[in-house]
Amino acid sequence: MTSDADLLTEDFKREPYWWEDAPRPGAHRVKLPATADVLVVGSGYTGLHAALQTVRGGRDTVVLDAEEAGFGCSSRNGGQVSPSIKPSFDDLVSRYGREAAFEICTEGLKALEFINDFIASERLECDWERVGRFHGAHRPAHYERLARELERRPRELAGEAYMVPRTEQRAEIGSDLYHGGTVFPRHAALHPAKYHLQLLQRVEQAGARVVSHCPVLSIERNRRGFMLRTSRGAVRARDVVLATNGYTGPVAPWHRRRVIPIGSYLIATEPLEPGLARTLSPRARVMTDTRKLVFYYRLCPQHRRVVFGGRVALTETDPRVSAPLLHAAMRKIFPQLEGTRITHSWVGFVAYSFDTLPHIGIHDGLYYAMGYCGSGVSLASYLGMRLGLKALGSPRGRTALDGVPFQTRPLYRGNPWFLAPSVLYYKVRDRFNL
């Protein structure tokens, strides 16, 4: 058995593998203006897409970030792209009725097509591939549940998805762990950091100013709009867009009470032999499974490494500590990777909502979109675009998620004290099929 120390390569890094091909842009030496029409807090996918709409709509737009632009999950995620609506259609029907459920699910499909069309129209080079997703059934009962859910979904929502029985799953994945699964052919993959950098370039080319390393200390509303005090001075803005998701802090207490920041941990393996890589993922799909504590994984864009992510600790931990735990989980799926070492291990904070839906709207004058529940590449882009349109006063900013109550819980103030027992509970459920 390989020891934990031997699992790490000599040049091991505690930072995203994606930064190798898309280094962070560094500090934006932009002077903080005294005023702006639109001020966007957060420079990830949501904030940049909102800013692109407002600046191209003729509004003087400034984007602020406490760290380097895109330092959070926009350059750290697994690069898997799906419609990203977590609840099942039947679940949404029970909550909101059939018509609203259909419209909410349709927003997810629109998000997937939006990012596809945006990348094409803007000619972004970010390793975009419509590789499809294999969603593995961790138990036989899970396979039956997936089949029932697919059968009950309206045809317009099911699309081209189909079931793959266990006897045929080796055509999808080089593992016998699962009991078949669902294939979603339209789901996709990209290089998240390349996508972010080129989106950032489009925003700056359009005329927006991006000010990094400029944390916002307070947001005050007044008759003329807002006054934001930052570490580099104060700025007035007519409209403010809050695009902080898993990094929402105390300057926005109402929003902070409604999202649960959760660390999602990832590793990247050393390069694999091409034959081994093809065996693991014959169609280079992105992959997930039905466990409550989901693991997600894929081959990198060159199809030479595995990027593997999930939640492996009860509380937040160091990526060096999580690396061997993720490796062990990966080996249960792919025993072939027993001796494969890790070159990178990192973490990014996602934001869950209490109803597992993303949310978009305006509260106390602040425009916001957040709560992507760990699957936000397409929705953060799409809802960021809609948010920018809302700030412009355009009716095209409307979504089916408008007006969906953004829930919180008593005594919750943004510190997820309940996370460790919740993770333990779901680990037990996954282990014993409860």
Protein backbone atom coordinates (compact mmCIF):
# COMPACT_ATOMS: atom_id res chain seq x y z
CA MET A 1 0.00 0.00 0.00
CA THR A 2 1.35 3.43 -0.96
CA SER A 3 1.92 5.75 2.04
CA ASP A 4 0.38 9.19 2.17
CA ALA A 5 3.79 10.81 1.74
CA ASP A 6 4.53 8.74 -1.37
CA LEU A 7 1.24 9.82 -2.96
CA LEU A 8 2.52 13.36 -3.54
CA THR A 9 4.96 14.17 -6.32
CA GLU A 10 8.15 16.09 -5.63
CA ASP A 11 6.70 19.22 -7.23
CA PHE A 12 3.30 18.87 -5.49
CA LYS A 13 1.36 22.15 -5.20
CA ARG A 14 -1.48 23.23 -2.92
CA GLU A 15 -3.15 25.22 -5.67
CA PRO A 16 -5.45 24.45 -8.60
CA TYR A 17 -4.04 22.41 -11.45
CA TRP A 18 -5.93 24.80 -13.77
CA TRP A 19 -3.56 27.63 -12.85
CA GLU A 20 -0.72 25.89 -14.68
CA ASP A 21 -2.19 26.81 -18.08
CA ALA A 22 -4.06 29.89 -16.91
CA PRO A 23 -2.03 31.74 -14.25
CA ARG A 24 -3.95 34.23 -12.12
CA PRO A 25 -3.95 37.76 -13.56
CA GLY A 26 -2.29 39.38 -10.55
CA ALA A 27 -3.30 42.70 -9.03
CA HIS A 28 -5.23 45.06 -11.30
CA ARG A 29 -3.46 48.40 -10.82
CA VAL A 30 -6.63 50.35 -11.43
CA LYS A 31 -7.40 53.48 -9.45
CA LEU A 32 -10.61 53.21 -7.50
CA PRO A 33 -13.01 55.78 -8.96
CA ALA A 34 -15.13 58.03 -6.79
CA THR A 35 -18.35 57.11 -8.58
CA ALA A 36 -19.81 54.48 -10.90
CA ASP A 37 -23.17 53.72 -12.44
CA VAL A 38 -22.91 50.04 -11.51
CA LEU A 39 -20.60 48.54 -8.95
CA VAL A 40 -20.19 44.75 -8.99
CA VAL A 41 -18.85 43.04 -5.85
CA GLY A 42 -17.17 39.79 -6.91
CA SER A 43 -15.20 38.99 -10.06
CA GLY A 44 -16.20 35.39 -10.68
CA TYR A 45 -18.49 34.16 -13.45
CA THR A 46 -21.59 35.83 -11.97
CA GLY A 47 -20.01 39.23 -11.47
CA LEU A 48 -18.20 39.34 -14.80
CA HIS A 49 -21.25 38.30 -16.81
CA ALA A 50 -23.33 40.94 -15.01
CA ALA A 51 -20.63 43.54 -15.67
CA LEU A 52 -20.41 42.59 -19.35
CA GLN A 53 -24.12 43.32 -19.77
CA THR A 54 -24.06 46.63 -17.94
CA VAL A 55 -20.90 47.99 -19.58
CA ARG A 56 -22.08 46.98 -23.04
CA GLY A 57 -25.41 48.56 -22.12
CA GLY A 58 -23.69 51.92 -21.69
CA ARG A 59 -23.30 51.98 -17.90
CA ASP A 60 -20.04 53.00 -16.26
CA THR A 61 -19.18 49.72 -14.52
CA VAL A 62 -16.63 48.88 -11.83
CA VAL A 63 -15.89 45.37 -10.51
CA LEU A 64 -14.35 44.93 -7.06
CA ASP A 65 -12.77 41.83 -5.54
CA ALA A 66 -11.13 41.21 -2.17
CA GLU A 67 -8.54 38.95 -3.84
CA GLU A 68 -7.16 38.57 -7.35
CA ALA A 69 -9.83 38.48 -10.02
CA GLY A 70 -11.38 35.02 -10.12
CA PHE A 71 -9.51 33.79 -7.06
CA GLY A 72 -12.54 31.81 -5.84
CA CYS A 73 -14.37 28.88 -7.38
CA SER A 74 -14.48 30.37 -10.86
CA SER A 75 -10.87 29.25 -11.30
CA ARG A 76 -11.03 26.28 -8.90
CA ASN A 77 -14.06 24.21 -9.92
CA GLY A 78 -13.99 20.85 -11.68
CA GLY A 79 -14.92 22.27 -15.08
CA GLN A 80 -18.10 20.19 -15.37
CA VAL A 81 -21.01 21.96 -17.06
CA SER A 82 -24.63 20.88 -16.69
CA PRO A 83 -28.09 22.46 -16.33
CA SER A 84 -27.30 22.55 -12.59
CA ILE A 85 -30.82 22.47 -11.13
CA LYS A 86 -30.40 20.11 -8.16
CA PRO A 87 -33.99 19.14 -7.17
CA SER A 88 -35.77 16.56 -9.30
CA PHE A 89 -38.73 17.58 -11.43
CA ASP A 90 -41.08 15.69 -9.12
CA ASP A 91 -39.63 17.45 -6.10
CA LEU A 92 -40.16 20.84 -7.72
CA VAL A 93 -43.72 19.87 -8.71
CA SER A 94 -44.49 19.09 -5.06
CA ARG A 95 -43.10 22.47 -4.01
CA TYR A 96 -44.36 24.85 -6.68
CA GLY A 97 -46.73 23.02 -9.02
CA ARG A 98 -46.11 21.50 -12.45
CA GLU A 99 -45.97 24.71 -14.49
CA ALA A 100 -43.45 26.46 -12.24
CA ALA A 101 -41.39 23.27 -11.94
CA PHE A 102 -41.21 23.03 -15.72
CA GLU A 103 -40.10 26.66 -16.02
CA ILE A 104 -37.42 26.30 -13.33
CA CYS A 105 -35.97 23.18 -15.00
CA THR A 106 -36.10 24.96 -18.35
CA GLU A 107 -33.90 27.73 -16.92
CA GLY A 108 -31.22 25.10 -16.32
CA LEU A 109 -31.40 23.97 -19.94
CA LYS A 110 -31.25 27.61 -21.08
CA ALA A 111 -28.14 28.09 -18.93
CA LEU A 112 -26.40 25.15 -20.60
CA GLU A 113 -27.18 26.48 -24.09
CA PHE A 114 -26.28 30.03 -23.09
CA ILE A 115 -22.74 29.15 -22.09
CA ASN A 116 -22.30 27.05 -25.24
CA ASP A 117 -23.44 29.93 -27.44
CA PHE A 118 -21.50 32.55 -25.47
CA ILE A 119 -18.22 30.67 -25.80
CA ALA A 120 -18.81 30.28 -29.54
CA SER A 121 -19.89 33.88 -30.19
CA GLU A 122 -17.06 35.38 -28.14
CA ARG A 123 -14.56 32.88 -29.57
CA LEU A 124 -13.25 31.88 -26.17
CA GLU A 125 -10.49 29.28 -26.16
CA CYS A 126 -11.25 27.36 -22.99
CA ASP A 127 -11.24 23.68 -24.04
CA TRP A 128 -15.02 23.55 -24.34
CA GLU A 129 -16.25 20.03 -25.18
CA ARG A 130 -19.76 18.55 -25.24
CA VAL A 131 -18.53 15.25 -23.85
CA GLY A 132 -21.69 14.26 -21.95
CA ARG A 133 -22.11 13.14 -18.36
CA PHE A 134 -22.26 9.66 -16.83
CA HIS A 135 -24.18 9.72 -13.54
CA GLY A 136 -23.49 6.45 -11.75
CA ALA A 137 -25.97 4.60 -9.54
CA HIS A 138 -24.20 3.77 -6.29
CA ARG A 139 -26.82 1.12 -5.39
CA PRO A 140 -29.22 -1.03 -7.46
CA ALA A 141 -32.15 0.91 -5.98
CA HIS A 142 -30.55 4.13 -7.15
CA TYR A 143 -30.55 2.85 -10.73
CA GLU A 144 -34.27 2.14 -10.52
CA ARG A 145 -34.88 5.58 -9.06
CA LEU A 146 -32.90 7.25 -11.84
CA ALA A 147 -34.87 5.33 -14.44
CA ARG A 148 -38.20 6.35 -12.87
CA GLU A 149 -37.16 9.99 -12.66
CA LEU A 150 -36.09 10.01 -16.30
CA GLU A 151 -39.34 8.37 -17.38
CA ARG A 152 -41.47 10.87 -15.46
CA ARG A 153 -39.69 13.97 -16.71
CA PRO A 154 -41.43 15.79 -19.56
CA ARG A 155 -39.84 14.94 -22.89
CA GLU A 156 -38.69 18.54 -23.36
CA LEU A 157 -36.68 18.29 -20.14
CA ALA A 158 -35.37 14.75 -20.53
CA GLY A 159 -33.80 15.60 -23.88
CA GLU A 160 -31.49 12.91 -25.19
CA ALA A 161 -30.71 11.34 -21.80
CA TYR A 162 -30.77 7.56 -21.55
CA MET A 163 -30.12 4.77 -19.07
CA VAL A 164 -27.08 2.49 -19.25
CA PRO A 165 -27.38 -0.84 -17.38
CA ARG A 166 -24.49 -2.23 -15.39
CA THR A 167 -23.78 -4.84 -18.05
CA GLU A 168 -22.97 -2.04 -20.52
CA GLN A 169 -21.39 0.60 -18.29
CA ARG A 170 -17.81 -0.37 -19.18
CA ALA A 171 -18.41 1.52 -22.43
CA GLU A 172 -18.81 4.63 -20.27
CA ILE A 173 -16.48 4.12 -17.31
CA GLY A 174 -13.65 1.75 -16.46
CA SER A 175 -15.16 0.75 -13.14
CA ASP A 176 -17.47 -1.91 -11.74
CA LEU A 177 -18.39 0.11 -8.65
CA TYR A 178 -21.70 1.36 -10.03
CA HIS A 179 -24.93 -0.40 -10.87
CA GLY A 180 -25.45 1.34 -14.20
CA GLY A 181 -26.37 4.98 -14.56
CA THR A 182 -27.74 7.79 -16.68
CA VAL A 183 -25.98 9.43 -19.62
CA PHE A 184 -26.70 13.08 -20.44
CA PRO A 185 -25.13 13.63 -23.88
CA ARG A 186 -25.51 17.43 -23.91
CA HIS A 187 -23.53 18.08 -20.72
CA ALA A 188 -20.06 19.50 -21.22
CA ALA A 189 -16.60 20.25 -19.89
CA LEU A 190 -14.27 23.22 -20.04
CA HIS A 191 -11.07 24.59 -18.54
CA PRO A 192 -12.51 26.79 -15.77
CA ALA A 193 -9.54 29.11 -15.33
CA LYS A 194 -9.10 29.70 -19.07
CA TYR A 195 -12.81 30.45 -19.32
CA HIS A 196 -12.58 32.94 -16.47
CA LEU A 197 -9.49 34.72 -17.82
CA GLN A 198 -10.97 35.19 -21.26
CA LEU A 199 -14.27 36.36 -19.81
CA LEU A 200 -12.29 38.87 -17.74
CA GLN A 201 -10.56 40.09 -20.89
CA ARG A 202 -13.89 40.64 -22.64
CA VAL A 203 -15.17 42.66 -19.67
CA GLU A 204 -12.09 44.88 -19.61
CA GLN A 205 -12.07 45.27 -23.39
CA ALA A 206 -15.67 46.46 -23.18
CA GLY A 207 -14.57 49.26 -20.84
CA ALA A 208 -15.34 48.04 -17.32
CA ARG A 209 -12.74 48.66 -14.63
CA VAL A 210 -11.71 45.69 -12.47
CA VAL A 211 -10.16 46.57 -9.12
CA SER A 212 -8.67 43.57 -7.32
CA HIS A 213 -7.29 43.30 -3.77
CA CYS A 214 -9.97 45.78 -2.73
CA PRO A 215 -12.25 44.23 -0.09
CA VAL A 216 -15.54 45.97 0.56
CA LEU A 217 -15.86 46.94 4.22
CA SER A 218 -19.41 48.30 4.26
CA ILE A 219 -22.37 48.96 1.98
CA GLU A 220 -24.66 51.84 2.90
CA ARG A 221 -27.83 52.76 1.03
CA ASN A 222 -28.81 56.41 0.64
CA ARG A 223 -31.18 58.51 -1.45
CA ARG A 224 -28.83 58.62 -4.42
CA GLY A 225 -27.93 54.95 -4.42
CA PHE A 226 -25.11 53.39 -2.41
CA MET A 227 -21.88 54.29 -0.69
CA LEU A 228 -19.33 51.48 -0.50
CA ARG A 229 -16.35 51.80 1.77
CA THR A 230 -13.38 49.68 0.77
CA SER A 231 -9.81 49.13 1.90
CA ARG A 232 -8.77 51.61 -0.79
CA GLY A 233 -11.36 54.31 -0.21
CA ALA A 234 -15.03 55.01 -0.81
CA VAL A 235 -17.05 54.85 -4.03
CA ARG A 236 -20.61 55.91 -4.80
CA ALA A 237 -22.76 53.84 -7.13
CA ARG A 238 -26.31 54.07 -8.37
CA ASP A 239 -26.68 50.27 -8.53
CA VAL A 240 -24.81 47.48 -6.76
CA VAL A 241 -24.58 43.86 -7.85
CA LEU A 242 -23.61 41.32 -5.18
CA ALA A 243 -21.85 38.35 -6.82
CA THR A 244 -19.97 36.72 -3.95
CA ASN A 245 -21.64 33.26 -3.69
CA GLY A 246 -19.53 31.02 -1.39
CA TYR A 247 -17.43 34.01 -0.31
CA THR A 248 -20.32 36.18 0.92
CA GLY A 249 -19.18 38.01 4.04
CA PRO A 250 -20.54 40.19 6.85
CA VAL A 251 -21.04 43.27 4.65
CA ALA A 252 -24.16 41.53 3.29
CA PRO A 253 -25.72 39.91 6.38
CA TRP A 254 -29.14 39.20 4.81
CA HIS A 255 -27.53 37.25 1.96
CA ARG A 256 -24.95 35.62 4.21
CA ARG A 257 -27.74 34.06 6.29
CA ARG A 258 -29.12 32.37 3.17
CA VAL A 259 -26.07 30.61 1.77
CA ILE A 260 -23.99 27.85 3.36
CA PRO A 261 -20.27 28.06 2.42
CA ILE A 262 -18.88 24.56 1.95
CA GLY A 263 -15.34 23.65 0.97
CA SER A 264 -15.13 21.39 -2.06
CA TYR A 265 -11.77 19.62 -2.37
CA LEU A 266 -10.03 18.47 -5.54
CA ILE A 267 -6.89 16.69 -6.67
CA ALA A 268 -5.16 16.25 -10.00
CA THR A 269 -3.13 13.15 -10.78
CA GLU A 270 0.19 12.96 -12.52
CA PRO A 271 -0.02 12.29 -16.30
CA LEU A 272 -1.39 8.84 -17.16
CA GLU A 273 -0.51 6.55 -20.00
CA PRO A 274 -2.96 7.26 -22.86
CA GLY A 275 -4.20 3.68 -22.84
CA LEU A 276 -4.98 3.80 -19.14
CA ALA A 277 -6.78 7.13 -19.49
CA ARG A 278 -8.97 5.72 -22.29
CA THR A 279 -9.78 2.70 -20.15
CA LEU A 280 -10.91 4.87 -17.25
CA SER A 281 -13.12 7.08 -19.40
CA PRO A 282 -13.63 5.68 -22.92
CA ARG A 283 -15.75 8.65 -24.01
CA ALA A 284 -14.02 11.31 -21.86
CA ARG A 285 -17.30 12.00 -20.05
CA VAL A 286 -17.64 14.13 -16.95
CA MET A 287 -18.80 11.87 -14.12
CA THR A 288 -20.81 12.03 -10.91
CA ASP A 289 -22.76 9.54 -8.81
CA THR A 290 -25.86 9.20 -6.65
CA ARG A 291 -24.23 9.35 -3.24
CA LYS A 292 -25.39 12.13 -0.93
CA LEU A 293 -21.76 13.18 -0.61
CA VAL A 294 -21.14 13.30 -4.33
CA PHE A 295 -17.78 12.71 -5.96
CA TYR A 296 -17.19 14.34 -9.33
CA TYR A 297 -14.36 13.56 -11.70
CA ARG A 298 -13.16 13.72 -15.28
CA LEU A 299 -10.13 13.59 -17.48
CA CYS A 300 -8.41 16.94 -17.92
CA PRO A 301 -8.73 18.65 -21.34
CA GLN A 302 -5.69 16.80 -22.73
CA HIS A 303 -7.20 13.50 -21.48
CA ARG A 304 -4.01 12.65 -19.59
CA ARG A 305 -4.84 13.35 -15.93
CA VAL A 306 -7.79 12.69 -13.66
CA VAL A 307 -9.24 15.67 -11.81
CA PHE A 308 -11.20 14.26 -8.85
CA GLY A 309 -13.26 16.20 -6.33
CA GLY A 310 -15.62 15.81 -3.42
CA ARG A 311 -16.17 16.27 0.29
CA VAL A 312 -13.95 13.95 2.36
CA ALA A 313 -13.67 15.65 5.76
CA LEU A 314 -16.25 16.55 8.39
CA THR A 315 -14.82 20.05 8.79
CA GLU A 316 -12.69 22.29 6.59
CA THR A 317 -9.12 21.07 6.33
CA ASP A 318 -5.84 21.64 4.55
CA PRO A 319 -5.67 20.46 0.90
CA ARG A 320 -2.58 18.46 1.82
CA VAL A 321 -4.68 16.56 4.37
CA SER A 322 -7.61 16.04 1.99
CA ALA A 323 -5.37 14.80 -0.85
CA PRO A 324 -4.83 11.20 0.40
CA LEU A 325 -8.51 10.98 1.41
CA LEU A 326 -9.59 11.92 -2.11
CA HIS A 327 -7.03 9.51 -3.54
CA ALA A 328 -8.53 6.70 -1.46
CA ALA A 329 -12.03 7.55 -2.72
CA MET A 330 -10.73 7.64 -6.29
CA ARG A 331 -9.12 4.21 -5.91
CA LYS A 332 -12.43 2.69 -4.82
CA ILE A 333 -13.83 3.70 -8.19
CA PHE A 334 -10.63 3.09 -10.18
CA PRO A 335 -8.38 0.46 -8.53
CA GLN A 336 -6.15 0.89 -11.58
CA LEU A 337 -4.89 4.17 -10.05
CA GLU A 338 -3.42 2.52 -6.93
CA GLY A 339 0.11 3.78 -7.56
CA THR A 340 -0.75 7.03 -9.34
CA ARG A 341 0.52 10.10 -7.54
CA ILE A 342 -0.99 13.54 -6.94
CA THR A 343 0.51 16.73 -8.36
CA HIS A 344 -2.06 19.26 -7.13
CA SER A 345 -4.58 19.48 -4.30
CA TRP A 346 -6.83 22.47 -3.64
CA VAL A 347 -10.11 23.73 -2.24
CA GLY A 348 -12.77 26.25 -3.25
CA PHE A 349 -15.88 27.39 -1.41
CA VAL A 350 -19.25 26.71 -2.98
CA ALA A 351 -22.54 28.09 -1.65
CA TYR A 352 -25.49 25.84 -0.90
CA SER A 353 -28.97 27.19 -0.30
CA PHE A 354 -31.41 25.61 2.14
CA ASP A 355 -33.78 24.62 -0.67
CA THR A 356 -30.90 23.50 -2.99
CA LEU A 357 -31.98 26.00 -5.65
CA PRO A 358 -30.00 28.94 -7.03
CA HIS A 359 -31.50 32.35 -6.30
CA ILE A 360 -31.61 35.65 -8.15
CA GLY A 361 -33.32 38.88 -7.30
CA ILE A 362 -33.06 42.22 -5.53
CA HIS A 363 -33.14 42.85 -1.78
CA ASP A 364 -32.89 46.25 -0.15
CA GLY A 365 -31.76 47.63 -3.50
CA LEU A 366 -28.94 45.10 -3.97
CA TYR A 367 -29.06 42.87 -7.06
CA TYR A 368 -27.83 39.35 -6.31
CA ALA A 369 -27.45 35.84 -7.72
CA MET A 370 -25.97 33.00 -5.65
CA GLY A 371 -26.52 29.56 -4.15
CA TYR A 372 -25.45 27.33 -7.06
CA CYS A 373 -25.02 24.34 -4.75
CA GLY A 374 -21.68 23.20 -6.11
CA SER A 375 -22.73 23.04 -9.74
CA GLY A 376 -22.67 26.59 -11.01
CA VAL A 377 -20.51 26.97 -14.12
CA SER A 378 -23.47 27.38 -16.45
CA LEU A 379 -25.93 28.92 -13.97
CA ALA A 380 -23.46 31.47 -12.58
CA SER A 381 -22.78 32.58 -16.15
CA TYR A 382 -26.43 32.60 -17.19
CA LEU A 383 -27.84 34.20 -14.04
CA GLY A 384 -25.00 36.73 -14.03
CA MET A 385 -26.09 37.72 -17.53
CA ARG A 386 -29.74 37.98 -16.41
CA LEU A 387 -28.65 39.98 -13.37
CA GLY A 388 -26.86 42.49 -15.56
CA LEU A 389 -30.02 42.87 -17.64
CA LYS A 390 -32.03 43.45 -14.47
CA ALA A 391 -29.63 46.22 -13.46
CA LEU A 392 -30.19 47.79 -16.89
CA GLY A 393 -33.94 47.69 -16.29
CA SER A 394 -34.46 45.26 -19.18
CA PRO A 395 -37.43 42.86 -19.10
CA ARG A 396 -35.04 40.26 -20.58
CA GLY A 397 -33.59 39.91 -17.10
CA ARG A 398 -36.64 37.96 -15.93
CA THR A 399 -36.18 34.32 -14.90
CA ALA A 400 -38.43 31.57 -13.56
CA LEU A 401 -36.48 31.82 -10.29
CA ASP A 402 -37.66 35.37 -9.65
CA GLY A 403 -39.78 35.47 -6.53
CA VAL A 404 -38.78 32.02 -5.25
CA PRO A 405 -38.36 32.60 -1.48
CA PHE A 406 -34.71 32.72 -0.43
CA GLN A 407 -34.86 30.73 2.78
CA THR A 408 -32.74 30.84 5.90
CA ARG A 409 -32.99 29.11 9.29
CA PRO A 410 -33.34 30.38 12.86
CA LEU A 411 -30.02 31.09 14.60
CA TYR A 412 -28.05 30.84 11.35
CA ARG A 413 -25.77 33.82 10.70
CA GLY A 414 -23.43 32.43 8.06
CA ASN A 415 -21.26 30.10 10.14
CA PRO A 416 -22.35 26.54 9.23
CA TRP A 417 -22.00 25.01 12.70
CA PHE A 418 -24.23 22.15 11.55
CA LEU A 419 -21.97 21.13 8.65
CA ALA A 420 -19.89 18.47 10.45
CA PRO A 421 -22.86 16.51 11.83
CA SER A 422 -24.63 16.82 8.47
CA VAL A 423 -21.61 15.43 6.60
CA LEU A 424 -21.34 12.57 9.11
CA TYR A 425 -25.04 11.81 8.71
CA TYR A 426 -24.78 11.61 4.92
CA LYS A 427 -21.60 9.52 5.11
CA VAL A 428 -23.49 6.99 7.22
CA ARG A 429 -26.41 7.02 4.79
CA ASP A 430 -24.10 6.47 1.82
CA ARG A 431 -22.28 3.62 3.58
CA PHE A 432 -25.38 1.73 4.68
CA ASN A 433 -27.68 2.68 1.79
CA LEU A 434 -30.17 4.44 4.05
